[in-house]
Amino acid sequence: MSGDSDCTRTSPSAGSPSDNEFLPERPKYVCSLSPDLITKAREELQEKPEWRLRDVQALRDMVCKDYPSLGTCLDDAFLLRFLRARKFDYDRALQLLVNYHTCRRSWPEVFDNLKPSAIKPVLESGFVTVLPHMDPEGRHIVCIRPDRWTPSNYPITENIRAIYLTLEKLIQSEETQVNGIVILADYKGVSLSKASHFGPFVAKKVIGILQDGFPIRIKAVNIINEPRIFKGIFAIIKPFLKEKIANRFFLHGCDLNSLHQNIPPVILPEEYGGTSGKLDISAWNELLLASEEDFLHDFSQLVFPCDSSPHDMLVSGDAEEKQCDDSLRGMKPQLYYCY
């Protein structure tokens, strides 16, 4: 991550004035929220503008005390993402921050060399994009279309990388930090062979990131055109979902009227019965690819904590993967049955 990861720089009492004389100052936080969003953040997230920087400093102090080797960005704006995602509960925000880094370090296939240019083929396929218009609640709509993926072209982890970078770009906006996002997943044409790539190990990893390892609020997941096979996919996913998130899944089948009850047609493309024109992926692709330098600046080389090593994490991951593979053998009959 960008910014200073040396905790001695975060405390006003750390070191003498001469010690800190040449240390770069942190970027000064300037709130970009509208008055309405400030009110919403106060009511829904327990964010009090008059206490905001005090809360950020409290989280920063906890990181420095409990996880001095975390290697995280400690800028106000960055830490605010985690406080908002956990309604300014210090302990839960700290755990989310630690999980964020743990996820990045424990899945190198996804997080190594993570930058927009590296996932350009996924973007060009249209597997994931963001609709140009927000919903009435001010939430971006992330559109995912698994039928656009050809497994022989690249592994499923490339799709996950593209989704992750999309979320990283969206969460830079304070408006998104407060309002959250909505997911629209179109499962048209998803076959059994394609679904088999999304086993329990991958499902657990992805859901772990979205639920407990990334500072974003997912307010709804709308599934459309799901085939019978989706019952098997959801059977794999559901055990890993918290009840609150599971209740935000809406399965619409081929019923566009049902979808329109959750997402108004005025912001949907023609492909989903909307009135905003054809689905255009070029604008989002250009925006994400133009952010290459920003991502390179923000994603510094992560350093493993002193009391652990990459080997230790990989061993743990291997054990987890074996356990999930055992679960997959039990799930496959469900997939075939639903198909």
C-alpha atoms as a PDB file:
ATOM      1  CA  MET A   1       0.000   0.000   0.000  1.00  0.00           C
ATOM      2  CA  SER A   2       1.053   3.587  -0.372  1.00  0.00           C
ATOM      3  CA  GLY A   3       2.103   5.728   2.501  1.00  0.00           C
ATOM      4  CA  ASP A   4       4.317   5.226   5.456  1.00  0.00           C
ATOM      5  CA  SER A   5       4.279   1.854   7.179  1.00  0.00           C
ATOM      6  CA  ASP A   6       6.759   2.868   9.890  1.00  0.00           C
ATOM      7  CA  CYS A   7       4.668   3.191  13.010  1.00  0.00           C
ATOM      8  CA  THR A   8       7.182   5.452  14.685  1.00  0.00           C
ATOM      9  CA  ARG A   9       5.956   8.141  12.326  1.00  0.00           C
ATOM     10  CA  THR A  10       2.376   7.986  13.492  1.00  0.00           C
ATOM     11  CA  SER A  11       2.741   9.011  17.085  1.00  0.00           C
ATOM     12  CA  PRO A  12       3.371  12.680  17.952  1.00  0.00           C
ATOM     13  CA  SER A  13       5.523  11.562  20.875  1.00  0.00           C
ATOM     14  CA  ALA A  14       7.700   9.155  18.892  1.00  0.00           C
ATOM     15  CA  GLY A  15      11.221  10.450  18.569  1.00  0.00           C
ATOM     16  CA  SER A  16      12.594  13.956  19.012  1.00  0.00           C
ATOM     17  CA  PRO A  17      11.780  16.826  16.621  1.00  0.00           C
ATOM     18  CA  SER A  18      15.161  16.345  15.003  1.00  0.00           C
ATOM     19  CA  ASP A  19      14.397  12.640  14.406  1.00  0.00           C
ATOM     20  CA  ASN A  20      11.217  13.490  12.492  1.00  0.00           C
ATOM     21  CA  GLU A  21      12.436  16.653  10.809  1.00  0.00           C
ATOM     22  CA  PHE A  22      12.917  15.039   7.409  1.00  0.00           C
ATOM     23  CA  LEU A  23      10.034  12.555   7.506  1.00  0.00           C
ATOM     24  CA  PRO A  24       7.355  13.258   4.879  1.00  0.00           C
ATOM     25  CA  GLU A  25       4.054  14.525   6.207  1.00  0.00           C
ATOM     26  CA  ARG A  26       0.985  12.424   5.675  1.00  0.00           C
ATOM     27  CA  PRO A  27      -1.550  13.701   3.140  1.00  0.00           C
ATOM     28  CA  LYS A  28      -4.042  15.896   4.940  1.00  0.00           C
ATOM     29  CA  TYR A  29      -7.535  14.450   4.829  1.00  0.00           C
ATOM     30  CA  VAL A  30     -10.197  16.643   3.229  1.00  0.00           C
ATOM     31  CA  CYS A  31     -13.751  15.331   3.382  1.00  0.00           C
ATOM     32  CA  SER A  32     -15.461  15.127  -0.027  1.00  0.00           C
ATOM     33  CA  LEU A  33     -18.862  14.010   1.244  1.00  0.00           C
ATOM     34  CA  SER A  34     -21.925  16.115   0.523  1.00  0.00           C
ATOM     35  CA  PRO A  35     -23.976  17.385   3.478  1.00  0.00           C
ATOM     36  CA  ASP A  36     -26.564  14.654   2.792  1.00  0.00           C
ATOM     37  CA  LEU A  37     -23.905  11.933   2.812  1.00  0.00           C
ATOM     38  CA  ILE A  38     -22.363  13.339   5.984  1.00  0.00           C
ATOM     39  CA  THR A  39     -25.792  12.966   7.596  1.00  0.00           C
ATOM     40  CA  LYS A  40     -26.174   9.454   6.170  1.00  0.00           C
ATOM     41  CA  ALA A  41     -22.730   8.451   7.448  1.00  0.00           C
ATOM     42  CA  ARG A  42     -23.626   9.764  10.889  1.00  0.00           C
ATOM     43  CA  GLU A  43     -26.917   7.869  10.992  1.00  0.00           C
ATOM     44  CA  GLU A  44     -25.849   4.581   9.370  1.00  0.00           C
ATOM     45  CA  LEU A  45     -22.118   4.318  10.099  1.00  0.00           C
ATOM     46  CA  GLN A  46     -21.859   6.160  13.438  1.00  0.00           C
ATOM     47  CA  GLU A  47     -19.416   8.588  11.807  1.00  0.00           C
ATOM     48  CA  LYS A  48     -19.181  11.915  13.619  1.00  0.00           C
ATOM     49  CA  PRO A  49     -17.261  14.552  11.633  1.00  0.00           C
ATOM     50  CA  GLU A  50     -16.071  16.225  14.816  1.00  0.00           C
ATOM     51  CA  TRP A  51     -14.510  12.942  16.003  1.00  0.00           C
ATOM     52  CA  ARG A  52     -13.418  11.560  12.630  1.00  0.00           C
ATOM     53  CA  LEU A  53      -9.680  12.284  12.879  1.00  0.00           C
ATOM     54  CA  ARG A  54      -9.630  11.206  16.509  1.00  0.00           C
ATOM     55  CA  ASP A  55     -11.094   7.866  15.449  1.00  0.00           C
ATOM     56  CA  VAL A  56      -8.556   7.502  12.654  1.00  0.00           C
ATOM     57  CA  GLN A  57      -5.717   8.187  15.071  1.00  0.00           C
ATOM     58  CA  ALA A  58      -7.112   5.625  17.498  1.00  0.00           C
ATOM     59  CA  LEU A  59      -7.085   2.964  14.771  1.00  0.00           C
ATOM     60  CA  ARG A  60      -3.593   4.003  13.713  1.00  0.00           C
ATOM     61  CA  ASP A  61      -2.348   3.664  17.296  1.00  0.00           C
ATOM     62  CA  MET A  62      -3.888   0.186  17.554  1.00  0.00           C
ATOM     63  CA  VAL A  63      -2.119  -0.909  14.365  1.00  0.00           C
ATOM     64  CA  CYS A  64       1.205   0.372  15.663  1.00  0.00           C
ATOM     65  CA  LYS A  65       0.751  -1.279  19.039  1.00  0.00           C
ATOM     66  CA  ASP A  66      -0.661  -4.653  17.990  1.00  0.00           C
ATOM     67  CA  TYR A  67       0.647  -5.088  14.420  1.00  0.00           C
ATOM     68  CA  PRO A  68       3.787  -2.970  14.041  1.00  0.00           C
ATOM     69  CA  SER A  69       5.035  -5.108  11.137  1.00  0.00           C
ATOM     70  CA  LEU A  70       1.792  -5.144   9.175  1.00  0.00           C
ATOM     71  CA  GLY A  71       3.271  -3.002   6.411  1.00  0.00           C
ATOM     72  CA  THR A  72       0.086  -1.049   5.811  1.00  0.00           C
ATOM     73  CA  CYS A  73      -0.698   2.452   4.664  1.00  0.00           C
ATOM     74  CA  LEU A  74      -1.561   4.606   7.661  1.00  0.00           C
ATOM     75  CA  ASP A  75      -2.921   7.677   5.883  1.00  0.00           C
ATOM     76  CA  ASP A  76      -6.183   9.120   7.196  1.00  0.00           C
ATOM     77  CA  ALA A  77      -8.145   8.489   3.999  1.00  0.00           C
ATOM     78  CA  PHE A  78      -7.013   4.862   3.774  1.00  0.00           C
ATOM     79  CA  LEU A  79      -7.834   3.995   7.393  1.00  0.00           C
ATOM     80  CA  LEU A  80     -11.216   5.695   7.083  1.00  0.00           C
ATOM     81  CA  ARG A  81     -12.279   3.024   4.568  1.00  0.00           C
ATOM     82  CA  PHE A  82     -11.986   0.375   7.252  1.00  0.00           C
ATOM     83  CA  LEU A  83     -13.685   2.421   9.957  1.00  0.00           C
ATOM     84  CA  ARG A  84     -16.641   3.142   7.702  1.00  0.00           C
ATOM     85  CA  ALA A  85     -16.928  -0.483   6.628  1.00  0.00           C
ATOM     86  CA  ARG A  86     -17.236  -1.505  10.293  1.00  0.00           C
ATOM     87  CA  LYS A  87     -19.336   1.429  11.520  1.00  0.00           C
ATOM     88  CA  PHE A  88     -16.441   2.970  13.447  1.00  0.00           C
ATOM     89  CA  ASP A  89     -16.009  -0.025  15.715  1.00  0.00           C
ATOM     90  CA  TYR A  90     -12.243   0.153  16.352  1.00  0.00           C
ATOM     91  CA  ASP A  91     -11.724  -3.541  17.043  1.00  0.00           C
ATOM     92  CA  ARG A  92     -13.698  -4.710  14.024  1.00  0.00           C
ATOM     93  CA  ALA A  93     -12.018  -2.137  11.780  1.00  0.00           C
ATOM     94  CA  LEU A  94      -8.612  -3.327  12.937  1.00  0.00           C
ATOM     95  CA  GLN A  95      -9.530  -6.956  12.257  1.00  0.00           C
ATOM     96  CA  LEU A  96     -10.762  -6.008   8.786  1.00  0.00           C
ATOM     97  CA  LEU A  97      -7.481  -4.238   8.058  1.00  0.00           C
ATOM     98  CA  VAL A  98      -5.467  -7.253   9.204  1.00  0.00           C
ATOM     99  CA  ASN A  99      -7.685  -9.567   7.145  1.00  0.00           C
ATOM    100  CA  TYR A 100      -7.203  -7.322   4.121  1.00  0.00           C
ATOM    101  CA  HIS A 101      -3.443  -7.858   4.247  1.00  0.00           C
ATOM    102  CA  THR A 102      -3.696 -11.529   5.183  1.00  0.00           C
ATOM    103  CA  CYS A 103      -5.858 -12.201   2.129  1.00  0.00           C
ATOM    104  CA  ARG A 104      -3.390 -10.428  -0.126  1.00  0.00           C
ATOM    105  CA  ARG A 105      -0.437 -12.378   1.225  1.00  0.00           C
ATOM    106  CA  SER A 106      -2.052 -15.795   1.281  1.00  0.00           C
ATOM    107  CA  TRP A 107      -3.224 -15.981  -2.345  1.00  0.00           C
ATOM    108  CA  PRO A 108      -0.275 -15.084  -4.609  1.00  0.00           C
ATOM    109  CA  GLU A 109      -2.034 -16.333  -7.757  1.00  0.00           C
ATOM    110  CA  VAL A 110      -4.443 -13.432  -7.347  1.00  0.00           C
ATOM    111  CA  PHE A 111      -2.365 -10.695  -5.772  1.00  0.00           C
ATOM    112  CA  ASP A 112       1.082 -10.974  -7.361  1.00  0.00           C
ATOM    113  CA  ASN A 113       1.638  -8.400 -10.110  1.00  0.00           C
ATOM    114  CA  LEU A 114      -1.858  -7.030  -9.520  1.00  0.00           C
ATOM    115  CA  LYS A 115      -2.410  -4.105 -11.896  1.00  0.00           C
ATOM    116  CA  PRO A 116      -4.941  -3.199 -14.600  1.00  0.00           C
ATOM    117  CA  SER A 117      -2.685  -3.946 -17.566  1.00  0.00           C
ATOM    118  CA  ALA A 118      -2.157  -7.491 -16.250  1.00  0.00           C
ATOM    119  CA  ILE A 119      -5.878  -8.270 -16.472  1.00  0.00           C
ATOM    120  CA  LYS A 120      -6.576  -6.479 -19.752  1.00  0.00           C
ATOM    121  CA  PRO A 121      -7.855  -9.664 -21.490  1.00  0.00           C
ATOM    122  CA  VAL A 122     -10.482 -10.079 -18.752  1.00  0.00           C
ATOM    123  CA  LEU A 123     -11.592  -6.474 -19.100  1.00  0.00           C
ATOM    124  CA  GLU A 124     -11.805  -6.774 -22.875  1.00  0.00           C
ATOM    125  CA  SER A 125     -13.938  -9.912 -22.553  1.00  0.00           C
ATOM    126  CA  GLY A 126     -16.571  -7.965 -20.637  1.00  0.00           C
ATOM    127  CA  PHE A 127     -16.525 -10.400 -17.714  1.00  0.00           C
ATOM    128  CA  VAL A 128     -16.775  -7.519 -15.237  1.00  0.00           C
ATOM    129  CA  THR A 129     -17.700  -3.892 -15.698  1.00  0.00           C
ATOM    130  CA  VAL A 130     -19.409  -1.063 -13.854  1.00  0.00           C
ATOM    131  CA  LEU A 131     -22.586   0.457 -15.251  1.00  0.00           C
ATOM    132  CA  PRO A 132     -22.295   4.177 -16.041  1.00  0.00           C
ATOM    133  CA  HIS A 133     -25.211   5.249 -13.840  1.00  0.00           C
ATOM    134  CA  MET A 134     -25.684   4.797 -10.107  1.00  0.00           C
ATOM    135  CA  ASP A 135     -28.945   3.644  -8.557  1.00  0.00           C
ATOM    136  CA  PRO A 136     -31.284   5.987  -6.618  1.00  0.00           C
ATOM    137  CA  GLU A 137     -29.321   5.206  -3.431  1.00  0.00           C
ATOM    138  CA  GLY A 138     -26.085   6.463  -5.005  1.00  0.00           C
ATOM    139  CA  ARG A 139     -24.623   2.970  -5.403  1.00  0.00           C
ATOM    140  CA  HIS A 140     -22.529   1.768  -8.331  1.00  0.00           C
ATOM    141  CA  ILE A 141     -23.742  -1.375 -10.118  1.00  0.00           C
ATOM    142  CA  VAL A 142     -20.979  -3.941 -10.696  1.00  0.00           C
ATOM    143  CA  CYS A 143     -22.005  -6.183 -13.590  1.00  0.00           C
ATOM    144  CA  ILE A 144     -20.462  -9.676 -13.769  1.00  0.00           C
ATOM    145  CA  ARG A 145     -21.044 -11.969 -16.761  1.00  0.00           C
ATOM    146  CA  PRO A 146     -19.422 -15.397 -16.333  1.00  0.00           C
ATOM    147  CA  ASP A 147     -20.481 -16.464 -19.835  1.00  0.00           C
ATOM    148  CA  ARG A 148     -17.855 -14.061 -21.190  1.00  0.00           C
ATOM    149  CA  TRP A 149     -15.078 -16.203 -19.719  1.00  0.00           C
ATOM    150  CA  THR A 150     -13.432 -18.949 -21.767  1.00  0.00           C
ATOM    151  CA  PRO A 151     -11.595 -21.236 -19.300  1.00  0.00           C
ATOM    152  CA  SER A 152      -9.053 -22.329 -21.919  1.00  0.00           C
ATOM    153  CA  ASN A 153      -7.875 -18.721 -22.277  1.00  0.00           C
ATOM    154  CA  TYR A 154      -6.894 -18.074 -18.652  1.00  0.00           C
ATOM    155  CA  PRO A 155      -7.634 -19.461 -15.154  1.00  0.00           C
ATOM    156  CA  ILE A 156     -10.503 -18.347 -12.956  1.00  0.00           C
ATOM    157  CA  THR A 157      -8.088 -16.432 -10.739  1.00  0.00           C
ATOM    158  CA  GLU A 158      -7.725 -13.845 -13.510  1.00  0.00           C
ATOM    159  CA  ASN A 159     -11.423 -13.085 -13.206  1.00  0.00           C
ATOM    160  CA  ILE A 160     -11.029 -12.674  -9.449  1.00  0.00           C
ATOM    161  CA  ARG A 161      -8.125 -10.278 -10.017  1.00  0.00           C
ATOM    162  CA  ALA A 162     -10.302  -8.165 -12.308  1.00  0.00           C
ATOM    163  CA  ILE A 163     -13.142  -8.039  -9.774  1.00  0.00           C
ATOM    164  CA  TYR A 164     -10.720  -7.117  -6.993  1.00  0.00           C
ATOM    165  CA  LEU A 165      -9.183  -4.239  -8.952  1.00  0.00           C
ATOM    166  CA  THR A 166     -12.661  -3.020  -9.838  1.00  0.00           C
ATOM    167  CA  LEU A 167     -13.569  -2.907  -6.149  1.00  0.00           C
ATOM    168  CA  GLU A 168     -10.275  -1.190  -5.282  1.00  0.00           C
ATOM    169  CA  LYS A 169     -11.045   1.518  -7.812  1.00  0.00           C
ATOM    170  CA  LEU A 170     -14.605   1.993  -6.594  1.00  0.00           C
ATOM    171  CA  ILE A 171     -13.667   2.174  -2.914  1.00  0.00           C
ATOM    172  CA  GLN A 172     -11.405   5.141  -3.562  1.00  0.00           C
ATOM    173  CA  SER A 173     -14.611   7.190  -3.626  1.00  0.00           C
ATOM    174  CA  GLU A 174     -15.902   8.328  -0.247  1.00  0.00           C
ATOM    175  CA  GLU A 175     -19.396   8.240  -1.719  1.00  0.00           C
ATOM    176  CA  THR A 176     -19.022   4.504  -2.342  1.00  0.00           C
ATOM    177  CA  GLN A 177     -17.565   3.973   1.126  1.00  0.00           C
ATOM    178  CA  VAL A 178     -20.800   5.338   2.582  1.00  0.00           C
ATOM    179  CA  ASN A 179     -23.389   4.092   0.069  1.00  0.00           C
ATOM    180  CA  GLY A 180     -21.902   0.693  -0.782  1.00  0.00           C
ATOM    181  CA  ILE A 181     -22.336  -1.146  -4.086  1.00  0.00           C
ATOM    182  CA  VAL A 182     -24.814  -3.452  -5.810  1.00  0.00           C
ATOM    183  CA  ILE A 183     -23.786  -6.535  -7.797  1.00  0.00           C
ATOM    184  CA  LEU A 184     -25.631  -7.701 -10.899  1.00  0.00           C
ATOM    185  CA  ALA A 185     -24.532 -11.189 -11.974  1.00  0.00           C
ATOM    186  CA  ASP A 186     -25.796 -12.608 -15.264  1.00  0.00           C
ATOM    187  CA  TYR A 187     -25.412 -16.395 -15.306  1.00  0.00           C
ATOM    188  CA  LYS A 188     -26.771 -16.890 -18.800  1.00  0.00           C
ATOM    189  CA  GLY A 189     -25.006 -19.750 -20.562  1.00  0.00           C
ATOM    190  CA  VAL A 190     -23.020 -20.986 -17.553  1.00  0.00           C
ATOM    191  CA  SER A 191     -22.371 -24.683 -18.114  1.00  0.00           C
ATOM    192  CA  LEU A 192     -21.456 -27.484 -15.740  1.00  0.00           C
ATOM    193  CA  SER A 193     -17.853 -27.512 -16.971  1.00  0.00           C
ATOM    194  CA  LYS A 194     -17.508 -23.802 -16.292  1.00  0.00           C
ATOM    195  CA  ALA A 195     -19.202 -24.039 -12.892  1.00  0.00           C
ATOM    196  CA  SER A 196     -16.792 -26.797 -11.833  1.00  0.00           C
ATOM    197  CA  HIS A 197     -13.950 -24.249 -11.757  1.00  0.00           C
ATOM    198  CA  PHE A 198     -15.690 -22.493  -8.843  1.00  0.00           C
ATOM    199  CA  GLY A 199     -15.199 -25.135  -6.158  1.00  0.00           C
ATOM    200  CA  PRO A 200     -15.368 -24.699  -2.369  1.00  0.00           C
ATOM    201  CA  PHE A 201     -11.720 -23.617  -2.070  1.00  0.00           C
ATOM    202  CA  VAL A 202     -12.156 -20.734  -4.523  1.00  0.00           C
ATOM    203  CA  ALA A 203     -15.610 -19.938  -3.129  1.00  0.00           C
ATOM    204  CA  LYS A 204     -14.336 -19.739   0.432  1.00  0.00           C
ATOM    205  CA  LYS A 205     -11.420 -17.531  -0.593  1.00  0.00           C
ATOM    206  CA  VAL A 206     -13.564 -15.114  -2.596  1.00  0.00           C
ATOM    207  CA  ILE A 207     -16.322 -14.872  -0.011  1.00  0.00           C
ATOM    208  CA  GLY A 208     -13.728 -14.467   2.747  1.00  0.00           C
ATOM    209  CA  ILE A 209     -12.338 -11.453   0.909  1.00  0.00           C
ATOM    210  CA  LEU A 210     -15.716  -9.876   0.165  1.00  0.00           C
ATOM    211  CA  GLN A 211     -17.183 -10.449   3.640  1.00  0.00           C
ATOM    212  CA  ASP A 212     -14.215 -10.061   5.955  1.00  0.00           C
ATOM    213  CA  GLY A 213     -11.195  -8.900   3.956  1.00  0.00           C
ATOM    214  CA  PHE A 214     -12.206  -5.845   1.961  1.00  0.00           C
ATOM    215  CA  PRO A 215     -13.613  -2.484   3.150  1.00  0.00           C
ATOM    216  CA  ILE A 216     -16.715  -2.312   0.977  1.00  0.00           C
ATOM    217  CA  ARG A 217     -20.407  -2.592   1.761  1.00  0.00           C
ATOM    218  CA  ILE A 218     -22.233  -4.982  -0.566  1.00  0.00           C
ATOM    219  CA  LYS A 219     -25.867  -3.948  -0.285  1.00  0.00           C
ATOM    220  CA  ALA A 220     -27.437  -6.381  -2.772  1.00  0.00           C
ATOM    221  CA  VAL A 221     -26.488  -9.235  -5.112  1.00  0.00           C
ATOM    222  CA  ASN A 222     -28.938  -9.627  -7.999  1.00  0.00           C
ATOM    223  CA  ILE A 223     -28.666 -12.904  -9.924  1.00  0.00           C
ATOM    224  CA  ILE A 224     -30.336 -13.091 -13.327  1.00  0.00           C
ATOM    225  CA  ASN A 225     -30.671 -15.773 -15.980  1.00  0.00           C
ATOM    226  CA  GLU A 226     -29.396 -18.385 -13.571  1.00  0.00           C
ATOM    227  CA  PRO A 227     -29.640 -21.928 -14.983  1.00  0.00           C
ATOM    228  CA  ARG A 228     -30.530 -24.965 -12.904  1.00  0.00           C
ATOM    229  CA  ILE A 229     -26.826 -25.467 -12.276  1.00  0.00           C
ATOM    230  CA  PHE A 230     -26.851 -22.346 -10.101  1.00  0.00           C
ATOM    231  CA  LYS A 231     -28.606 -24.302  -7.369  1.00  0.00           C
ATOM    232  CA  GLY A 232     -25.435 -26.367  -7.103  1.00  0.00           C
ATOM    233  CA  ILE A 233     -23.225 -23.278  -7.210  1.00  0.00           C
ATOM    234  CA  PHE A 234     -25.254 -21.612  -4.472  1.00  0.00           C
ATOM    235  CA  ALA A 235     -25.080 -24.803  -2.407  1.00  0.00           C
ATOM    236  CA  ILE A 236     -21.290 -24.385  -2.475  1.00  0.00           C
ATOM    237  CA  ILE A 237     -21.426 -20.695  -1.626  1.00  0.00           C
ATOM    238  CA  LYS A 238     -24.122 -20.553   1.054  1.00  0.00           C
ATOM    239  CA  PRO A 239     -22.246 -22.310   3.905  1.00  0.00           C
ATOM    240  CA  PHE A 240     -19.627 -19.552   3.766  1.00  0.00           C
ATOM    241  CA  LEU A 241     -22.125 -16.670   3.724  1.00  0.00           C
ATOM    242  CA  LYS A 242     -23.137 -14.755   6.803  1.00  0.00           C
ATOM    243  CA  GLU A 243     -26.886 -14.553   7.273  1.00  0.00           C
ATOM    244  CA  LYS A 244     -26.962 -10.811   6.599  1.00  0.00           C
ATOM    245  CA  ILE A 245     -25.201 -11.249   3.248  1.00  0.00           C
ATOM    246  CA  ALA A 246     -27.223 -14.351   2.302  1.00  0.00           C
ATOM    247  CA  ASN A 247     -30.400 -12.321   2.786  1.00  0.00           C
ATOM    248  CA  ARG A 248     -29.147  -9.791   0.243  1.00  0.00           C
ATOM    249  CA  PHE A 249     -29.104 -12.344  -2.586  1.00  0.00           C
ATOM    250  CA  PHE A 250     -32.007 -12.011  -5.012  1.00  0.00           C
ATOM    251  CA  LEU A 251     -32.570 -14.707  -7.645  1.00  0.00           C
ATOM    252  CA  HIS A 252     -34.625 -13.324 -10.529  1.00  0.00           C
ATOM    253  CA  GLY A 253     -34.329 -16.078 -13.118  1.00  0.00           C
ATOM    254  CA  CYS A 254     -35.420 -14.685 -16.494  1.00  0.00           C
ATOM    255  CA  ASP A 255     -37.933 -12.304 -14.908  1.00  0.00           C
ATOM    256  CA  LEU A 256     -36.809  -8.792 -15.833  1.00  0.00           C
ATOM    257  CA  ASN A 257     -39.757  -7.270 -13.983  1.00  0.00           C
ATOM    258  CA  SER A 258     -38.420  -8.843 -10.805  1.00  0.00           C
ATOM    259  CA  LEU A 259     -34.966  -7.385 -11.498  1.00  0.00           C
ATOM    260  CA  HIS A 260     -36.498  -3.944 -12.126  1.00  0.00           C
ATOM    261  CA  GLN A 261     -37.989  -3.954  -8.649  1.00  0.00           C
ATOM    262  CA  ASN A 262     -34.426  -3.851  -7.308  1.00  0.00           C
ATOM    263  CA  ILE A 263     -32.660  -1.919 -10.065  1.00  0.00           C
ATOM    264  CA  PRO A 264     -34.701   0.665 -12.000  1.00  0.00           C
ATOM    265  CA  PRO A 265     -34.751   0.238 -15.812  1.00  0.00           C
ATOM    266  CA  VAL A 266     -33.579   3.816 -16.342  1.00  0.00           C
ATOM    267  CA  ILE A 267     -30.037   2.861 -15.254  1.00  0.00           C
ATOM    268  CA  LEU A 268     -29.965  -0.592 -16.855  1.00  0.00           C
ATOM    269  CA  PRO A 269     -28.738  -1.355 -20.394  1.00  0.00           C
ATOM    270  CA  GLU A 270     -31.059  -2.712 -23.053  1.00  0.00           C
ATOM    271  CA  GLU A 271     -29.758  -6.243 -22.446  1.00  0.00           C
ATOM    272  CA  TYR A 272     -31.568  -6.216 -19.101  1.00  0.00           C
ATOM    273  CA  GLY A 273     -34.736  -4.455 -20.203  1.00  0.00           C
ATOM    274  CA  GLY A 274     -33.340  -1.028 -19.431  1.00  0.00           C
ATOM    275  CA  THR A 275     -33.447   2.298 -21.240  1.00  0.00           C
ATOM    276  CA  SER A 276     -29.842   3.483 -20.946  1.00  0.00           C
ATOM    277  CA  GLY A 277     -28.671   2.089 -24.300  1.00  0.00           C
ATOM    278  CA  LYS A 278     -26.487  -0.885 -25.125  1.00  0.00           C
ATOM    279  CA  LEU A 279     -24.133  -2.208 -22.473  1.00  0.00           C
ATOM    280  CA  ASP A 280     -20.821  -0.424 -23.068  1.00  0.00           C
ATOM    281  CA  ILE A 281     -17.737  -1.770 -21.304  1.00  0.00           C
ATOM    282  CA  SER A 282     -15.250   0.623 -22.910  1.00  0.00           C
ATOM    283  CA  ALA A 283     -15.706   3.564 -20.513  1.00  0.00           C
ATOM    284  CA  TRP A 284     -14.993   1.497 -17.394  1.00  0.00           C
ATOM    285  CA  ASN A 285     -12.092  -0.329 -19.057  1.00  0.00           C
ATOM    286  CA  GLU A 286     -10.493   2.974 -20.052  1.00  0.00           C
ATOM    287  CA  LEU A 287     -10.943   4.378 -16.552  1.00  0.00           C
ATOM    288  CA  LEU A 288      -9.390   1.332 -14.890  1.00  0.00           C
ATOM    289  CA  LEU A 289      -6.485   1.053 -17.322  1.00  0.00           C
ATOM    290  CA  ALA A 290      -5.786   4.777 -16.950  1.00  0.00           C
ATOM    291  CA  SER A 291      -5.374   4.167 -13.203  1.00  0.00           C
ATOM    292  CA  GLU A 292      -2.289   1.985 -13.677  1.00  0.00           C
ATOM    293  CA  GLU A 293       0.131   4.459 -12.108  1.00  0.00           C
ATOM    294  CA  ASP A 294      -2.210   5.079  -9.184  1.00  0.00           C
ATOM    295  CA  PHE A 295      -2.377   1.357  -8.443  1.00  0.00           C
ATOM    296  CA  LEU A 296       1.398   0.982  -8.749  1.00  0.00           C
ATOM    297  CA  HIS A 297       1.735   3.830  -6.252  1.00  0.00           C
ATOM    298  CA  ASP A 298      -0.851   2.390  -3.860  1.00  0.00           C
ATOM    299  CA  PHE A 299       0.235  -1.247  -3.980  1.00  0.00           C
ATOM    300  CA  SER A 300       3.657  -1.255  -2.398  1.00  0.00           C
ATOM    301  CA  GLN A 301       5.486  -4.538  -1.876  1.00  0.00           C
ATOM    302  CA  LEU A 302       3.898  -6.192   1.137  1.00  0.00           C
ATOM    303  CA  VAL A 303       6.291  -7.383   3.827  1.00  0.00           C
ATOM    304  CA  PHE A 304       5.500 -10.515   5.810  1.00  0.00           C
ATOM    305  CA  PRO A 305       5.332 -10.047   9.589  1.00  0.00           C
ATOM    306  CA  CYS A 306       8.422 -11.053  11.511  1.00  0.00           C
ATOM    307  CA  ASP A 307       6.667 -13.931  13.272  1.00  0.00           C
ATOM    308  CA  SER A 308       5.501 -15.620  10.076  1.00  0.00           C
ATOM    309  CA  SER A 309       6.820 -16.461   6.670  1.00  0.00           C
ATOM    310  CA  PRO A 310       5.422 -17.059   3.205  1.00  0.00           C
ATOM    311  CA  HIS A 311       6.130 -20.762   3.711  1.00  0.00           C
ATOM    312  CA  ASP A 312       4.058 -20.877   6.886  1.00  0.00           C
ATOM    313  CA  MET A 313       1.135 -19.212   5.124  1.00  0.00           C
ATOM    314  CA  LEU A 314       1.356 -21.506   2.132  1.00  0.00           C
ATOM    315  CA  VAL A 315       1.375 -24.588   4.332  1.00  0.00           C
ATOM    316  CA  SER A 316      -1.769 -23.324   6.025  1.00  0.00           C
ATOM    317  CA  GLY A 317      -3.303 -22.613   2.645  1.00  0.00           C
ATOM    318  CA  ASP A 318      -2.482 -26.090   1.363  1.00  0.00           C
ATOM    319  CA  ALA A 319      -4.225 -27.663   4.338  1.00  0.00           C
ATOM    320  CA  GLU A 320      -7.253 -25.457   3.766  1.00  0.00           C
ATOM    321  CA  GLU A 321      -7.281 -26.331   0.066  1.00  0.00           C
ATOM    322  CA  LYS A 322      -7.169 -30.072   0.834  1.00  0.00           C
ATOM    323  CA  GLN A 323     -10.065 -29.709   3.228  1.00  0.00           C
ATOM    324  CA  CYS A 324     -12.063 -27.820   0.610  1.00  0.00           C
ATOM    325  CA  ASP A 325     -11.210 -30.363  -2.086  1.00  0.00           C
ATOM    326  CA  ASP A 326     -12.696 -33.028   0.180  1.00  0.00           C
ATOM    327  CA  SER A 327     -15.822 -30.887   0.428  1.00  0.00           C
ATOM    328  CA  LEU A 328     -15.895 -30.479  -3.348  1.00  0.00           C
ATOM    329  CA  ARG A 329     -16.132 -34.229  -3.845  1.00  0.00           C
ATOM    330  CA  GLY A 330     -19.284 -34.129  -1.761  1.00  0.00           C
ATOM    331  CA  MET A 331     -20.669 -31.152  -3.691  1.00  0.00           C
ATOM    332  CA  LYS A 332     -20.145 -32.507  -7.220  1.00  0.00           C
ATOM    333  CA  PRO A 333     -23.171 -34.823  -7.097  1.00  0.00           C
ATOM    334  CA  GLN A 334     -25.291 -31.741  -6.322  1.00  0.00           C
ATOM    335  CA  LEU A 335     -23.881 -29.972  -9.366  1.00  0.00           C
ATOM    336  CA  TYR A 336     -24.650 -32.887 -11.656  1.00  0.00           C
ATOM    337  CA  TYR A 337     -28.091 -33.330 -10.165  1.00  0.00           C
ATOM    338  CA  CYS A 338     -29.007 -29.670 -10.689  1.00  0.00           C
ATOM    339  CA  TYR A 339     -27.588 -29.665 -14.183  1.00  0.00           C
END
